[in-house]
């Protein structure tokens, strides 16, 4: 069971980081890559926030006993 919790934590942290990148791209703060279709698109801000929350939940569930 510890292996599953470890995988959940890793996937959760990755989801938080990817969600943060999507949020920043959607807000047009991070302009990488320069030709990305996500830049300045508020839909990607919403999608990033959802992904970050799901990642936080995965990390939280992995830390529970």
PDB file of N, CA and C in Angstrom:
ATOM      1  N   UNK A   1       0.820  -1.205   0.000  1.00  0.00           N
ATOM      2  CA  UNK A   1       0.000   0.000   0.000  1.00  0.00           C
ATOM      3  C   UNK A   1       0.862   1.267   0.000  1.00  0.00           C
ATOM      4  N   UNK A   2       2.076   1.161   0.560  1.00  0.00           N
ATOM      5  CA  UNK A   2       2.947   2.337   0.586  1.00  0.00           C
ATOM      6  C   UNK A   2       3.394   2.736  -0.808  1.00  0.00           C
ATOM      7  N   UNK A   3       3.524   1.748  -1.703  1.00  0.00           N
ATOM      8  CA  UNK A   3       3.922   2.060  -3.079  1.00  0.00           C
ATOM      9  C   UNK A   3       2.840   2.876  -3.769  1.00  0.00           C
ATOM     10  N   UNK A   4       1.588   2.528  -3.522  1.00  0.00           N
ATOM     11  CA  UNK A   4       0.467   3.256  -4.131  1.00  0.00           C
ATOM     12  C   UNK A   4       0.434   4.688  -3.604  1.00  0.00           C
ATOM     13  N   UNK A   5       0.659   4.849  -2.324  1.00  0.00           N
ATOM     14  CA  UNK A   5       0.672   6.196  -1.748  1.00  0.00           C
ATOM     15  C   UNK A   5       1.832   7.027  -2.290  1.00  0.00           C
ATOM     16  N   UNK A   6       2.975   6.391  -2.491  1.00  0.00           N
ATOM     17  CA  UNK A   6       4.112   7.099  -3.063  1.00  0.00           C
ATOM     18  C   UNK A   6       3.843   7.549  -4.491  1.00  0.00           C
ATOM     19  N   UNK A   7       3.229   6.670  -5.267  1.00  0.00           N
ATOM     20  CA  UNK A   7       2.881   7.024  -6.650  1.00  0.00           C
ATOM     21  C   UNK A   7       1.849   8.137  -6.662  1.00  0.00           C
ATOM     22  N   UNK A   8       0.864   8.070  -5.755  1.00  0.00           N
ATOM     23  CA  UNK A   8      -0.141   9.135  -5.669  1.00  0.00           C
ATOM     24  C   UNK A   8       0.515  10.469  -5.344  1.00  0.00           C
ATOM     25  N   UNK A   9       1.478  10.460  -4.451  1.00  0.00           N
ATOM     26  CA  UNK A   9       2.150  11.704  -4.068  1.00  0.00           C
ATOM     27  C   UNK A   9       2.947  12.271  -5.242  1.00  0.00           C
ATOM     28  N   UNK A  10       3.641  11.410  -5.971  1.00  0.00           N
ATOM     29  CA  UNK A  10       4.435  11.872  -7.119  1.00  0.00           C
ATOM     30  C   UNK A  10       3.527  12.435  -8.206  1.00  0.00           C
ATOM     31  N   UNK A  11       2.457  11.722  -8.510  1.00  0.00           N
ATOM     32  CA  UNK A  11       1.517  12.195  -9.533  1.00  0.00           C
ATOM     33  C   UNK A  11       0.853  13.494  -9.069  1.00  0.00           C
ATOM     34  N   UNK A  12       0.535  13.592  -7.775  1.00  0.00           N
ATOM     35  CA  UNK A  12      -0.075  14.805  -7.239  1.00  0.00           C
ATOM     36  C   UNK A  12       0.834  16.011  -7.359  1.00  0.00           C
ATOM     37  N   UNK A  13       2.102  15.850  -7.028  1.00  0.00           N
ATOM     38  CA  UNK A  13       3.049  16.963  -7.127  1.00  0.00           C
ATOM     39  C   UNK A  13       3.224  17.370  -8.588  1.00  0.00           C
ATOM     40  N   UNK A  14       3.314  16.378  -9.473  1.00  0.00           N
ATOM     41  CA  UNK A  14       3.428  16.685 -10.906  1.00  0.00           C
ATOM     42  C   UNK A  14       2.192  17.430 -11.407  1.00  0.00           C
ATOM     43  N   UNK A  15       1.006  17.030 -10.938  1.00  0.00           N
ATOM     44  CA  UNK A  15      -0.228  17.705 -11.349  1.00  0.00           C
ATOM     45  C   UNK A  15      -0.272  19.136 -10.837  1.00  0.00           C
ATOM     46  N   UNK A  16       0.203  19.371  -9.628  1.00  0.00           N
ATOM     47  CA  UNK A  16       0.249  20.727  -9.079  1.00  0.00           C
ATOM     48  C   UNK A  16       1.180  21.601  -9.914  1.00  0.00           C
ATOM     49  N   UNK A  17       2.344  21.060 -10.254  1.00  0.00           N
ATOM     50  CA  UNK A  17       3.305  21.835 -11.032  1.00  0.00           C
ATOM     51  C   UNK A  17       2.782  22.123 -12.443  1.00  0.00           C
ATOM     52  N   UNK A  18       2.177  21.127 -13.070  1.00  0.00           N
ATOM     53  CA  UNK A  18       1.632  21.329 -14.416  1.00  0.00           C
ATOM     54  C   UNK A  18       0.459  22.305 -14.360  1.00  0.00           C
ATOM     55  N   UNK A  19      -0.386  22.186 -13.338  1.00  0.00           N
ATOM     56  CA  UNK A  19      -1.499  23.120 -13.184  1.00  0.00           C
ATOM     57  C   UNK A  19      -1.023  24.545 -12.999  1.00  0.00           C
ATOM     58  N   UNK A  20       0.040  24.715 -12.221  1.00  0.00           N
ATOM     59  CA  UNK A  20       0.590  26.063 -12.022  1.00  0.00           C
ATOM     60  C   UNK A  20       1.114  26.632 -13.337  1.00  0.00           C
ATOM     61  N   UNK A  21       1.778  25.799 -14.138  1.00  0.00           N
ATOM     62  CA  UNK A  21       2.263  26.262 -15.441  1.00  0.00           C
ATOM     63  C   UNK A  21       1.101  26.662 -16.339  1.00  0.00           C
ATOM     64  N   UNK A  22       0.049  25.855 -16.364  1.00  0.00           N
ATOM     65  CA  UNK A  22      -1.122  26.179 -17.191  1.00  0.00           C
ATOM     66  C   UNK A  22      -1.776  27.479 -16.733  1.00  0.00           C
ATOM     67  N   UNK A  23      -1.853  27.681 -15.410  1.00  0.00           N
ATOM     68  CA  UNK A  23      -2.433  28.923 -14.884  1.00  0.00           C
ATOM     69  C   UNK A  23      -1.617  30.126 -15.356  1.00  0.00           C
ATOM     70  N   UNK A  24      -0.305  30.033 -15.210  1.00  0.00           N
ATOM     71  CA  UNK A  24       0.556  31.148 -15.595  1.00  0.00           C
ATOM     72  C   UNK A  24       0.538  31.393 -17.099  1.00  0.00           C
ATOM     73  N   UNK A  25       0.436  30.336 -17.897  1.00  0.00           N
ATOM     74  CA  UNK A  25       0.322  30.517 -19.331  1.00  0.00           C
ATOM     75  C   UNK A  25      -1.031  31.122 -19.699  1.00  0.00           C
ATOM     76  N   UNK A  26      -2.079  30.667 -19.039  1.00  0.00           N
ATOM     77  CA  UNK A  26      -3.406  31.203 -19.309  1.00  0.00           C
ATOM     78  C   UNK A  26      -3.529  32.674 -18.944  1.00  0.00           C
ATOM     79  N   UNK A  27      -2.802  33.086 -17.912  1.00  0.00           N
ATOM     80  CA  UNK A  27      -2.792  34.491 -17.506  1.00  0.00           C
ATOM     81  C   UNK A  27      -1.782  35.309 -18.302  1.00  0.00           C
ATOM     82  N   UNK A  28      -1.071  34.661 -19.202  1.00  0.00           N
ATOM     83  CA  UNK A  28      -0.077  35.301 -20.073  1.00  0.00           C
ATOM     84  C   UNK A  28       1.098  35.857 -19.270  1.00  0.00           C
ATOM     85  N   UNK A  29       1.444  35.171 -18.190  1.00  0.00           N
ATOM     86  CA  UNK A  29       2.602  35.557 -17.382  1.00  0.00           C
ATOM     87  C   UNK A  29       3.837  34.817 -17.876  1.00  0.00           C
ATOM     88  N   UNK A  30       3.676  33.523 -18.106  1.00  0.00           N
ATOM     89  CA  UNK A  30       4.759  32.707 -18.651  1.00  0.00           C
ATOM     90  C   UNK A  30       4.504  32.540 -20.134  1.00  0.00           C
ATOM     91  N   UNK A  31       5.435  32.992 -20.943  1.00  0.00           N
ATOM     92  CA  UNK A  31       5.281  32.929 -22.399  1.00  0.00           C
ATOM     93  C   UNK A  31       6.211  31.870 -22.964  1.00  0.00           C
ATOM     94  N   UNK A  32       6.023  30.627 -22.505  1.00  0.00           N
ATOM     95  CA  UNK A  32       6.832  29.513 -22.972  1.00  0.00           C
ATOM     96  C   UNK A  32       5.944  28.342 -23.301  1.00  0.00           C
ATOM     97  N   UNK A  33       6.071  27.738 -24.431  1.00  0.00           N
ATOM     98  CA  UNK A  33       6.823  28.195 -25.598  1.00  0.00           C
ATOM     99  C   UNK A  33       6.126  29.387 -26.245  1.00  0.00           C
ATOM    100  N   UNK A  34       6.853  30.152 -26.992  1.00  0.00           N
ATOM    101  CA  UNK A  34       6.326  31.419 -27.519  1.00  0.00           C
ATOM    102  C   UNK A  34       5.155  31.237 -28.467  1.00  0.00           C
ATOM    103  N   UNK A  35       5.060  30.101 -29.115  1.00  0.00           N
ATOM    104  CA  UNK A  35       3.979  29.884 -30.080  1.00  0.00           C
ATOM    105  C   UNK A  35       2.860  29.009 -29.515  1.00  0.00           C
ATOM    106  N   UNK A  36       2.738  28.934 -28.194  1.00  0.00           N
ATOM    107  CA  UNK A  36       1.743  28.073 -27.571  1.00  0.00           C
ATOM    108  C   UNK A  36       0.331  28.630 -27.749  1.00  0.00           C
ATOM    109  N   UNK A  37      -0.606  27.745 -28.008  1.00  0.00           N
ATOM    110  CA  UNK A  37      -2.005  28.150 -28.145  1.00  0.00           C
ATOM    111  C   UNK A  37      -2.639  28.472 -26.799  1.00  0.00           C
ATOM    112  N   UNK A  38      -1.959  28.169 -25.710  1.00  0.00           N
ATOM    113  CA  UNK A  38      -2.505  28.373 -24.372  1.00  0.00           C
ATOM    114  C   UNK A  38      -2.284  29.791 -23.842  1.00  0.00           C
ATOM    115  N   UNK A  39      -1.419  30.545 -24.469  1.00  0.00           N
ATOM    116  CA  UNK A  39      -1.048  31.855 -23.949  1.00  0.00           C
ATOM    117  C   UNK A  39      -2.223  32.826 -24.001  1.00  0.00           C
ATOM    118  N   UNK A  40      -2.530  33.419 -22.853  1.00  0.00           N
ATOM    119  CA  UNK A  40      -3.575  34.428 -22.781  1.00  0.00           C
ATOM    120  C   UNK A  40      -4.990  33.874 -22.889  1.00  0.00           C
ATOM    121  N   UNK A  41      -5.161  32.569 -22.753  1.00  0.00           N
ATOM    122  CA  UNK A  41      -6.480  31.946 -22.870  1.00  0.00           C
ATOM    123  C   UNK A  41      -6.979  31.573 -21.474  1.00  0.00           C
ATOM    124  N   UNK A  42      -8.044  32.217 -21.043  1.00  0.00           N
ATOM    125  CA  UNK A  42      -8.550  32.013 -19.678  1.00  0.00           C
ATOM    126  C   UNK A  42      -9.054  30.594 -19.434  1.00  0.00           C
ATOM    127  N   UNK A  43      -9.391  29.878 -20.489  1.00  0.00           N
ATOM    128  CA  UNK A  43      -9.824  28.484 -20.322  1.00  0.00           C
ATOM    129  C   UNK A  43      -8.691  27.658 -19.715  1.00  0.00           C
ATOM    130  N   UNK A  44      -7.458  27.949 -20.131  1.00  0.00           N
ATOM    131  CA  UNK A  44      -6.323  27.207 -19.587  1.00  0.00           C
ATOM    132  C   UNK A  44      -6.016  27.627 -18.156  1.00  0.00           C
ATOM    133  N   UNK A  45      -6.397  28.828 -17.786  1.00  0.00           N
ATOM    134  CA  UNK A  45      -6.277  29.229 -16.383  1.00  0.00           C
ATOM    135  C   UNK A  45      -7.210  28.382 -15.533  1.00  0.00           C
ATOM    136  N   UNK A  46      -8.442  28.211 -16.000  1.00  0.00           N
ATOM    137  CA  UNK A  46      -9.408  27.372 -15.281  1.00  0.00           C
ATOM    138  C   UNK A  46      -8.960  25.925 -15.238  1.00  0.00           C
ATOM    139  N   UNK A  47      -8.518  25.390 -16.382  1.00  0.00           N
ATOM    140  CA  UNK A  47      -8.065  24.004 -16.425  1.00  0.00           C
ATOM    141  C   UNK A  47      -6.871  23.776 -15.497  1.00  0.00           C
ATOM    142  N   UNK A  48      -5.966  24.735 -15.451  1.00  0.00           N
ATOM    143  CA  UNK A  48      -4.816  24.623 -14.568  1.00  0.00           C
ATOM    144  C   UNK A  48      -5.202  24.641 -13.100  1.00  0.00           C
ATOM    145  N   UNK A  49      -6.164  25.473 -12.765  1.00  0.00           N
ATOM    146  CA  UNK A  49      -6.630  25.518 -11.375  1.00  0.00           C
ATOM    147  C   UNK A  49      -7.276  24.190 -10.978  1.00  0.00           C
ATOM    148  N   UNK A  50      -8.067  23.627 -11.871  1.00  0.00           N
ATOM    149  CA  UNK A  50      -8.702  22.332 -11.594  1.00  0.00           C
ATOM    150  C   UNK A  50      -7.641  21.249 -11.424  1.00  0.00           C
ATOM    151  N   UNK A  51      -6.653  21.229 -12.318  1.00  0.00           N
ATOM    152  CA  UNK A  51      -5.597  20.232 -12.230  1.00  0.00           C
ATOM    153  C   UNK A  51      -4.785  20.389 -10.947  1.00  0.00           C
ATOM    154  N   UNK A  52      -4.509  21.613 -10.546  1.00  0.00           N
ATOM    155  CA  UNK A  52      -3.753  21.854  -9.313  1.00  0.00           C
ATOM    156  C   UNK A  52      -4.541  21.386  -8.089  1.00  0.00           C
ATOM    157  N   UNK A  53      -5.844  21.596  -8.082  1.00  0.00           N
ATOM    158  CA  UNK A  53      -6.674  21.139  -6.959  1.00  0.00           C
ATOM    159  C   UNK A  53      -6.704  19.616  -6.910  1.00  0.00           C
ATOM    160  N   UNK A  54      -6.840  18.980  -8.065  1.00  0.00           N
ATOM    161  CA  UNK A  54      -6.822  17.515  -8.106  1.00  0.00           C
ATOM    162  C   UNK A  54      -5.471  17.002  -7.602  1.00  0.00           C
ATOM    163  N   UNK A  55      -4.392  17.649  -8.002  1.00  0.00           N
ATOM    164  CA  UNK A  55      -3.067  17.263  -7.518  1.00  0.00           C
ATOM    165  C   UNK A  55      -2.937  17.428  -6.014  1.00  0.00           C
ATOM    166  N   UNK A  56      -3.472  18.525  -5.495  1.00  0.00           N
ATOM    167  CA  UNK A  56      -3.422  18.739  -4.047  1.00  0.00           C
ATOM    168  C   UNK A  56      -4.226  17.670  -3.308  1.00  0.00           C
ATOM    169  N   UNK A  57      -5.348  17.283  -3.871  1.00  0.00           N
ATOM    170  CA  UNK A  57      -6.145  16.212  -3.262  1.00  0.00           C
ATOM    171  C   UNK A  57      -5.392  14.881  -3.286  1.00  0.00           C
ATOM    172  N   UNK A  58      -4.710  14.594  -4.378  1.00  0.00           N
ATOM    173  CA  UNK A  58      -3.917  13.368  -4.442  1.00  0.00           C
ATOM    174  C   UNK A  58      -2.814  13.359  -3.387  1.00  0.00           C
ATOM    175  N   UNK A  59      -2.143  14.472  -3.235  1.00  0.00           N
ATOM    176  CA  UNK A  59      -1.101  14.562  -2.207  1.00  0.00           C
ATOM    177  C   UNK A  59      -1.712  14.411  -0.826  1.00  0.00           C
ATOM    178  N   UNK A  60      -2.852  15.030  -0.594  1.00  0.00           N
ATOM    179  CA  UNK A  60      -3.512  14.946   0.714  1.00  0.00           C
ATOM    180  C   UNK A  60      -3.933  13.511   1.015  1.00  0.00           C
ATOM    181  N   UNK A  61      -4.523  12.831   0.038  1.00  0.00           N
ATOM    182  CA  UNK A  61      -4.941  11.450   0.257  1.00  0.00           C
ATOM    183  C   UNK A  61      -3.743  10.528   0.456  1.00  0.00           C
ATOM    184  N   UNK A  62      -2.625  10.838  -0.190  1.00  0.00           N
ATOM    185  CA  UNK A  62      -1.441   9.999  -0.018  1.00  0.00           C
ATOM    186  C   UNK A  62      -0.832  10.170   1.373  1.00  0.00           C
ATOM    187  N   UNK A  63      -1.080  11.286   2.005  1.00  0.00           N
ATOM    188  CA  UNK A  63      -0.529  11.551   3.337  1.00  0.00           C
ATOM    189  C   UNK A  63      -1.415  11.025   4.469  1.00  0.00           C
ATOM    190  N   UNK A  64      -2.688  10.713   4.152  1.00  0.00           N
ATOM    191  CA  UNK A  64      -3.598  10.202   5.179  1.00  0.00           C
ATOM    192  C   UNK A  64      -3.206   8.780   5.566  1.00  0.00           C
ATOM    193  N   UNK A  65      -3.542   8.425   6.777  1.00  0.00           N
ATOM    194  CA  UNK A  65      -3.274   7.052   7.250  1.00  0.00           C
ATOM    195  C   UNK A  65      -4.294   6.089   6.745  1.00  0.00           C
TER     196      UNK A  65
END
